[in-house]
């Protein structure tokens, strides 16, 4: 039978929900919920990003809240329809307070991408991958 791939939410543990929510609103993302309730949500093309207090999220998981250091082994990707859109997204993110980690450049896999870190250090790739066209809803299809 298997586990249904109903991937619907990525929850990010953040230091300050209000400040992080302000950052994602500055990107132009639709917010649901009130940060004063302890969690808030942002709609993406097929899932939701949740912002929740870092320590409280660690408590919910049942693990100690240790300060993250360096690369965590995960990135989040935003795919766009052109190189110009990648550049624009990186610029807007930096203007909203993100740290530019890697300027956009042509990649050996045939696309164009760069990285920014949000206010809590979560790494976001901004990418144009011509082999994964972006549809009108912002979703991509990865071919066989």
N, C-alpha and C. Protein backbone atom coordinates (compact mmCIF):
# COMPACT_ATOMS: atom_id res chain seq x y z
N UNK A 1 0.81 -1.19 0.00
CA UNK A 1 0.00 0.00 0.00
C UNK A 1 0.86 1.26 0.00
N UNK A 2 1.81 1.39 0.87
CA UNK A 2 2.71 2.53 0.88
C UNK A 2 2.16 3.73 1.62
N UNK A 3 2.97 4.74 1.72
CA UNK A 3 2.60 6.00 2.36
C UNK A 3 2.25 7.00 1.26
N UNK A 4 1.06 7.57 1.32
CA UNK A 4 0.63 8.55 0.32
C UNK A 4 1.57 9.75 0.36
N UNK A 5 2.06 10.23 -0.79
CA UNK A 5 3.00 11.35 -0.82
C UNK A 5 2.29 12.70 -0.69
N UNK A 6 1.54 12.86 0.40
CA UNK A 6 0.75 14.07 0.62
C UNK A 6 1.58 15.13 1.34
N UNK A 7 2.72 15.46 0.77
CA UNK A 7 3.60 16.45 1.36
C UNK A 7 2.91 17.80 1.29
N UNK A 8 2.57 18.37 2.44
CA UNK A 8 1.75 19.56 2.42
C UNK A 8 2.31 20.76 3.18
N UNK A 9 3.17 20.54 4.18
CA UNK A 9 3.68 21.65 4.99
C UNK A 9 5.16 21.44 5.29
N UNK A 10 5.92 22.53 5.18
CA UNK A 10 7.28 22.59 5.69
C UNK A 10 7.23 23.59 6.83
N UNK A 11 7.56 23.15 8.03
CA UNK A 11 7.56 24.04 9.18
C UNK A 11 8.99 24.44 9.50
N UNK A 12 9.23 25.74 9.55
CA UNK A 12 10.55 26.27 9.86
C UNK A 12 10.55 26.78 11.30
N UNK A 13 11.48 26.29 12.10
CA UNK A 13 11.66 26.82 13.44
C UNK A 13 12.40 28.13 13.36
N UNK A 14 11.81 29.20 13.88
CA UNK A 14 12.39 30.53 13.74
C UNK A 14 12.58 31.18 15.12
N UNK A 15 13.52 32.12 15.17
CA UNK A 15 13.81 32.83 16.42
C UNK A 15 12.72 33.82 16.79
N UNK A 16 12.16 34.49 15.79
CA UNK A 16 11.14 35.51 16.04
C UNK A 16 10.09 35.42 14.93
N UNK A 17 8.92 34.91 15.29
CA UNK A 17 7.88 34.66 14.29
C UNK A 17 7.46 35.95 13.59
N UNK A 18 7.29 37.02 14.35
CA UNK A 18 6.82 38.28 13.74
C UNK A 18 7.84 38.81 12.72
N UNK A 19 9.13 38.79 13.08
CA UNK A 19 10.17 39.28 12.17
C UNK A 19 10.26 38.40 10.93
N UNK A 20 10.23 37.08 11.12
CA UNK A 20 10.28 36.17 9.97
C UNK A 20 9.05 36.31 9.09
N UNK A 21 7.89 36.48 9.71
CA UNK A 21 6.67 36.66 8.92
C UNK A 21 6.76 37.95 8.09
N UNK A 22 7.32 38.98 8.67
CA UNK A 22 7.50 40.24 7.94
C UNK A 22 8.40 40.02 6.71
N UNK A 23 9.46 39.23 6.88
CA UNK A 23 10.36 38.93 5.76
C UNK A 23 9.60 38.23 4.62
N UNK A 24 8.84 37.18 4.94
CA UNK A 24 8.14 36.45 3.89
C UNK A 24 7.02 37.28 3.26
N UNK A 25 6.38 38.15 4.04
CA UNK A 25 5.41 39.08 3.44
C UNK A 25 6.12 40.03 2.47
N UNK A 26 7.35 40.45 2.82
CA UNK A 26 8.11 41.34 1.93
C UNK A 26 8.45 40.67 0.61
N UNK A 27 8.49 39.34 0.60
CA UNK A 27 8.70 38.61 -0.66
C UNK A 27 7.42 38.61 -1.50
N UNK A 28 6.32 39.01 -0.89
CA UNK A 28 5.04 39.04 -1.60
C UNK A 28 4.21 37.79 -1.39
N UNK A 29 4.55 37.00 -0.38
CA UNK A 29 3.85 35.74 -0.15
C UNK A 29 2.59 35.96 0.66
N UNK A 30 1.56 35.17 0.34
CA UNK A 30 0.27 35.25 1.03
C UNK A 30 0.37 34.59 2.40
N UNK A 31 0.00 35.34 3.42
CA UNK A 31 0.07 34.84 4.80
C UNK A 31 -1.32 34.47 5.30
N UNK A 32 -1.37 33.41 6.06
CA UNK A 32 -2.59 33.00 6.76
C UNK A 32 -2.25 32.84 8.23
N UNK A 33 -3.15 33.21 9.08
CA UNK A 33 -2.94 33.07 10.51
C UNK A 33 -2.19 34.26 11.07
N UNK A 34 -2.25 34.37 12.38
CA UNK A 34 -1.65 35.49 13.10
C UNK A 34 -0.43 35.01 13.88
N UNK A 35 0.73 35.62 13.68
CA UNK A 35 1.92 35.18 14.41
C UNK A 35 1.75 35.18 15.92
N UNK A 36 0.85 36.03 16.45
CA UNK A 36 0.66 36.05 17.90
C UNK A 36 0.01 34.76 18.41
N UNK A 37 -0.55 33.96 17.51
CA UNK A 37 -1.12 32.66 17.89
C UNK A 37 -0.04 31.59 18.03
N UNK A 38 1.22 31.94 17.73
CA UNK A 38 2.32 30.99 17.90
C UNK A 38 2.76 30.30 16.63
N UNK A 39 1.96 30.42 15.58
CA UNK A 39 2.34 29.85 14.28
C UNK A 39 1.66 30.67 13.20
N UNK A 40 2.29 30.77 12.05
CA UNK A 40 1.68 31.44 10.92
C UNK A 40 2.09 30.68 9.66
N UNK A 41 1.34 30.87 8.60
CA UNK A 41 1.49 30.08 7.39
C UNK A 41 1.65 30.97 6.17
N UNK A 42 2.39 30.46 5.18
CA UNK A 42 2.54 31.14 3.90
C UNK A 42 2.28 30.13 2.79
N UNK A 43 1.40 30.53 1.86
CA UNK A 43 1.04 29.67 0.73
C UNK A 43 2.19 29.65 -0.28
N UNK A 44 2.51 28.47 -0.78
CA UNK A 44 3.43 28.33 -1.91
C UNK A 44 2.64 27.68 -3.04
N UNK A 45 3.31 27.31 -4.12
CA UNK A 45 2.57 26.78 -5.27
C UNK A 45 1.89 25.45 -5.01
N UNK A 46 2.39 24.66 -4.08
CA UNK A 46 1.74 23.37 -3.84
C UNK A 46 1.76 22.93 -2.38
N UNK A 47 2.38 23.73 -1.54
CA UNK A 47 2.48 23.38 -0.12
C UNK A 47 2.34 24.67 0.69
N UNK A 48 2.52 24.54 1.98
CA UNK A 48 2.53 25.69 2.89
C UNK A 48 3.85 25.70 3.63
N UNK A 49 4.32 26.90 3.93
CA UNK A 49 5.46 27.10 4.82
C UNK A 49 4.87 27.56 6.15
N UNK A 50 5.19 26.85 7.22
CA UNK A 50 4.77 27.27 8.55
C UNK A 50 5.95 27.87 9.29
N UNK A 51 5.71 28.92 10.05
CA UNK A 51 6.73 29.51 10.92
C UNK A 51 6.30 29.28 12.36
N UNK A 52 7.21 28.68 13.14
CA UNK A 52 6.90 28.28 14.52
C UNK A 52 8.15 28.55 15.34
N UNK A 53 7.98 28.90 16.59
CA UNK A 53 9.13 29.16 17.45
C UNK A 53 10.11 27.97 17.45
N UNK A 54 11.39 28.27 17.26
CA UNK A 54 12.43 27.23 17.15
C UNK A 54 12.45 26.30 18.36
N UNK A 55 12.47 26.87 19.55
CA UNK A 55 12.55 26.05 20.77
C UNK A 55 11.28 25.23 20.97
N UNK A 56 10.14 25.84 20.70
CA UNK A 56 8.87 25.12 20.84
C UNK A 56 8.76 23.99 19.82
N UNK A 57 9.29 24.20 18.63
CA UNK A 57 9.27 23.14 17.62
C UNK A 57 10.15 21.98 18.05
N UNK A 58 11.33 22.28 18.60
CA UNK A 58 12.20 21.23 19.12
C UNK A 58 11.50 20.46 20.24
N UNK A 59 10.81 21.17 21.12
CA UNK A 59 10.05 20.51 22.19
C UNK A 59 8.97 19.60 21.62
N UNK A 60 8.28 20.07 20.58
CA UNK A 60 7.23 19.27 19.95
C UNK A 60 7.79 17.98 19.37
N UNK A 61 8.98 18.09 18.77
CA UNK A 61 9.64 16.92 18.19
C UNK A 61 10.18 16.00 19.29
N UNK A 62 10.54 16.59 20.43
CA UNK A 62 11.12 15.81 21.52
C UNK A 62 12.63 15.75 21.49
N UNK A 63 13.26 16.78 20.88
CA UNK A 63 14.71 16.84 20.79
C UNK A 63 15.20 18.15 21.38
N UNK A 64 16.46 18.20 21.81
CA UNK A 64 16.98 19.46 22.35
C UNK A 64 17.11 20.51 21.24
N UNK A 65 16.88 21.75 21.62
CA UNK A 65 17.00 22.87 20.68
C UNK A 65 18.44 23.35 20.67
N UNK A 66 19.24 22.81 19.76
CA UNK A 66 20.64 23.23 19.65
C UNK A 66 20.77 24.23 18.52
N UNK A 67 21.66 25.19 18.71
CA UNK A 67 21.88 26.22 17.68
C UNK A 67 22.42 25.57 16.41
N UNK A 68 21.73 25.75 15.27
CA UNK A 68 22.24 25.17 14.02
C UNK A 68 23.55 25.85 13.61
N UNK A 69 24.44 25.07 13.01
CA UNK A 69 25.73 25.59 12.55
C UNK A 69 25.99 25.12 11.13
N UNK A 70 26.37 26.04 10.28
CA UNK A 70 26.77 25.67 8.93
C UNK A 70 25.65 25.05 8.12
N UNK A 71 26.05 24.25 7.16
CA UNK A 71 25.11 23.62 6.24
C UNK A 71 24.36 22.50 6.95
N UNK A 72 23.03 22.52 6.86
CA UNK A 72 22.20 21.54 7.56
C UNK A 72 21.88 20.31 6.71
N UNK A 73 22.25 20.34 5.43
CA UNK A 73 21.95 19.21 4.57
C UNK A 73 20.62 19.35 3.84
N UNK A 74 20.02 20.53 3.91
CA UNK A 74 18.74 20.73 3.22
C UNK A 74 18.70 22.13 2.61
N UNK A 75 18.08 22.22 1.44
CA UNK A 75 17.77 23.51 0.82
C UNK A 75 16.32 23.47 0.37
N UNK A 76 15.75 24.63 0.22
CA UNK A 76 14.40 24.79 -0.30
C UNK A 76 14.53 25.48 -1.65
N UNK A 77 13.76 25.06 -2.63
CA UNK A 77 13.94 25.60 -3.98
C UNK A 77 12.71 26.34 -4.47
N UNK A 78 12.98 27.48 -5.09
CA UNK A 78 11.98 28.26 -5.80
C UNK A 78 12.36 28.22 -7.27
N UNK A 79 11.47 27.72 -8.11
CA UNK A 79 11.75 27.61 -9.54
C UNK A 79 11.01 28.70 -10.30
N UNK A 80 11.71 29.27 -11.29
CA UNK A 80 11.18 30.38 -12.06
C UNK A 80 11.26 30.07 -13.55
N UNK A 81 10.57 30.90 -14.34
CA UNK A 81 10.50 30.68 -15.77
C UNK A 81 11.61 31.30 -16.58
N UNK A 82 12.52 32.05 -15.94
CA UNK A 82 13.60 32.67 -16.69
C UNK A 82 14.74 33.06 -15.76
N UNK A 83 15.89 33.33 -16.34
CA UNK A 83 17.04 33.81 -15.57
C UNK A 83 16.74 35.17 -14.95
N UNK A 84 16.03 36.02 -15.69
CA UNK A 84 15.69 37.34 -15.16
C UNK A 84 14.83 37.24 -13.90
N UNK A 85 13.92 36.28 -13.87
CA UNK A 85 13.08 36.08 -12.68
C UNK A 85 13.92 35.61 -11.50
N UNK A 86 14.93 34.79 -11.75
CA UNK A 86 15.84 34.35 -10.69
C UNK A 86 16.56 35.56 -10.11
N UNK A 87 17.13 36.38 -10.99
CA UNK A 87 17.84 37.58 -10.54
C UNK A 87 16.93 38.50 -9.74
N UNK A 88 15.72 38.70 -10.21
CA UNK A 88 14.76 39.56 -9.53
C UNK A 88 14.41 39.00 -8.14
N UNK A 89 14.19 37.70 -8.05
CA UNK A 89 13.85 37.07 -6.77
C UNK A 89 15.01 37.21 -5.77
N UNK A 90 16.22 36.98 -6.23
CA UNK A 90 17.38 37.14 -5.34
C UNK A 90 17.50 38.58 -4.84
N UNK A 91 17.33 39.53 -5.74
CA UNK A 91 17.43 40.93 -5.36
C UNK A 91 16.35 41.31 -4.35
N UNK A 92 15.11 40.88 -4.58
CA UNK A 92 14.03 41.17 -3.66
C UNK A 92 14.28 40.55 -2.30
N UNK A 93 14.75 39.30 -2.28
CA UNK A 93 15.03 38.63 -1.01
C UNK A 93 16.09 39.40 -0.20
N UNK A 94 17.14 39.82 -0.88
CA UNK A 94 18.20 40.58 -0.20
C UNK A 94 17.66 41.91 0.30
N UNK A 95 16.86 42.59 -0.50
CA UNK A 95 16.25 43.85 -0.07
C UNK A 95 15.34 43.66 1.14
N UNK A 96 14.74 42.48 1.27
CA UNK A 96 13.86 42.17 2.39
C UNK A 96 14.63 41.74 3.64
N UNK A 97 15.96 41.57 3.50
CA UNK A 97 16.78 41.23 4.66
C UNK A 97 17.52 39.92 4.58
N UNK A 98 17.35 39.18 3.49
CA UNK A 98 18.07 37.91 3.33
C UNK A 98 19.55 38.17 3.10
N UNK A 99 20.33 37.15 3.35
CA UNK A 99 21.77 37.20 3.07
C UNK A 99 22.01 36.46 1.76
N UNK A 100 22.67 37.11 0.82
CA UNK A 100 23.03 36.45 -0.43
C UNK A 100 24.13 35.45 -0.13
N UNK A 101 23.87 34.18 -0.39
CA UNK A 101 24.85 33.12 -0.13
C UNK A 101 25.67 32.83 -1.38
N UNK A 102 24.99 32.77 -2.52
CA UNK A 102 25.66 32.48 -3.78
C UNK A 102 24.94 33.23 -4.89
N UNK A 103 25.62 34.15 -5.55
CA UNK A 103 24.96 34.86 -6.66
C UNK A 103 24.53 33.87 -7.74
N UNK A 104 23.49 34.24 -8.46
CA UNK A 104 23.01 33.37 -9.53
C UNK A 104 24.06 33.24 -10.63
N UNK A 105 24.18 32.03 -11.13
CA UNK A 105 25.12 31.75 -12.22
C UNK A 105 24.61 30.56 -13.00
N UNK A 106 25.13 30.42 -14.21
CA UNK A 106 24.78 29.25 -15.02
C UNK A 106 25.40 28.02 -14.37
N UNK A 107 24.62 26.95 -14.33
CA UNK A 107 25.03 25.73 -13.65
C UNK A 107 25.38 24.63 -14.65
N UNK A 108 26.21 23.70 -14.21
CA UNK A 108 26.64 22.61 -15.11
C UNK A 108 25.48 21.72 -15.52
N UNK A 109 24.37 21.74 -14.76
CA UNK A 109 23.22 20.91 -15.10
C UNK A 109 22.33 21.57 -16.15
N UNK A 110 22.72 22.74 -16.66
CA UNK A 110 22.00 23.37 -17.76
C UNK A 110 21.05 24.47 -17.36
N UNK A 111 21.00 24.81 -16.10
CA UNK A 111 20.11 25.87 -15.65
C UNK A 111 20.87 27.06 -15.12
N UNK A 112 20.21 27.80 -14.26
CA UNK A 112 20.74 29.04 -13.71
C UNK A 112 20.21 29.13 -12.29
N UNK A 113 21.09 29.30 -11.30
CA UNK A 113 20.58 29.36 -9.93
C UNK A 113 21.52 30.11 -9.00
N UNK A 114 20.95 30.55 -7.90
CA UNK A 114 21.68 31.19 -6.82
C UNK A 114 20.99 30.85 -5.50
N UNK A 115 21.58 31.28 -4.40
CA UNK A 115 21.05 30.95 -3.07
C UNK A 115 21.01 32.17 -2.17
N UNK A 116 19.96 32.24 -1.35
CA UNK A 116 19.92 33.21 -0.26
C UNK A 116 19.56 32.48 1.02
N UNK A 117 19.95 33.08 2.15
CA UNK A 117 19.57 32.57 3.46
C UNK A 117 18.55 33.53 4.05
N UNK A 118 17.45 32.99 4.57
CA UNK A 118 16.46 33.85 5.20
C UNK A 118 16.99 34.33 6.55
N UNK A 119 16.17 34.99 7.33
CA UNK A 119 16.62 35.59 8.59
C UNK A 119 17.09 34.56 9.61
N UNK A 120 16.65 33.31 9.48
CA UNK A 120 17.06 32.25 10.40
C UNK A 120 18.09 31.32 9.79
N UNK A 121 18.59 31.67 8.60
CA UNK A 121 19.63 30.87 7.97
C UNK A 121 19.14 29.76 7.07
N UNK A 122 17.82 29.63 6.88
CA UNK A 122 17.33 28.59 5.97
C UNK A 122 17.72 28.96 4.56
N UNK A 123 18.27 27.98 3.84
CA UNK A 123 18.79 28.22 2.50
C UNK A 123 17.72 28.00 1.44
N UNK A 124 17.55 29.01 0.61
CA UNK A 124 16.60 28.98 -0.49
C UNK A 124 17.37 29.08 -1.80
N UNK A 125 17.16 28.13 -2.68
CA UNK A 125 17.71 28.20 -4.02
C UNK A 125 16.67 28.90 -4.90
N UNK A 126 17.12 29.83 -5.71
CA UNK A 126 16.28 30.41 -6.74
C UNK A 126 16.83 29.88 -8.06
N UNK A 127 15.98 29.23 -8.84
CA UNK A 127 16.49 28.50 -10.00
C UNK A 127 15.60 28.66 -11.23
N UNK A 128 16.27 28.67 -12.36
CA UNK A 128 15.62 28.50 -13.66
C UNK A 128 16.17 27.19 -14.21
N UNK A 129 15.28 26.21 -14.35
CA UNK A 129 15.66 24.90 -14.88
C UNK A 129 14.83 24.65 -16.13
N UNK A 130 15.38 24.91 -17.32
CA UNK A 130 14.58 24.80 -18.54
C UNK A 130 13.98 23.41 -18.75
N UNK A 131 14.59 22.39 -18.13
CA UNK A 131 14.04 21.05 -18.29
C UNK A 131 12.85 20.79 -17.36
N UNK A 132 12.56 21.73 -16.44
CA UNK A 132 11.42 21.65 -15.53
C UNK A 132 10.56 22.91 -15.70
N UNK A 133 9.82 23.03 -16.78
CA UNK A 133 9.05 24.26 -17.01
C UNK A 133 8.07 24.53 -15.87
N UNK A 134 7.92 25.81 -15.57
CA UNK A 134 7.01 26.26 -14.52
C UNK A 134 5.64 26.50 -15.14
N UNK A 135 4.59 25.87 -14.58
CA UNK A 135 3.26 26.06 -15.14
C UNK A 135 2.61 27.32 -14.58
N UNK A 136 1.38 27.59 -15.00
CA UNK A 136 0.68 28.81 -14.59
C UNK A 136 0.42 28.88 -13.10
N UNK A 137 0.48 27.76 -12.39
CA UNK A 137 0.28 27.74 -10.94
C UNK A 137 1.59 27.81 -10.17
N UNK A 138 2.72 27.88 -10.90
CA UNK A 138 4.00 27.94 -10.24
C UNK A 138 4.60 26.58 -9.92
N UNK A 139 3.95 25.52 -10.37
CA UNK A 139 4.43 24.16 -10.12
C UNK A 139 5.33 23.71 -11.28
N UNK A 140 6.14 22.72 -11.00
CA UNK A 140 6.98 22.13 -12.04
C UNK A 140 6.64 20.65 -12.16
N UNK A 141 7.00 20.09 -13.28
CA UNK A 141 6.90 18.65 -13.49
C UNK A 141 8.29 18.14 -13.81
N UNK A 142 8.70 17.10 -13.11
CA UNK A 142 10.01 16.51 -13.36
C UNK A 142 9.78 15.27 -14.22
N UNK A 143 10.29 15.28 -15.45
CA UNK A 143 10.05 14.15 -16.35
C UNK A 143 10.80 12.89 -15.93
N UNK A 144 10.34 11.77 -16.47
CA UNK A 144 11.02 10.48 -16.21
C UNK A 144 12.43 10.50 -16.72
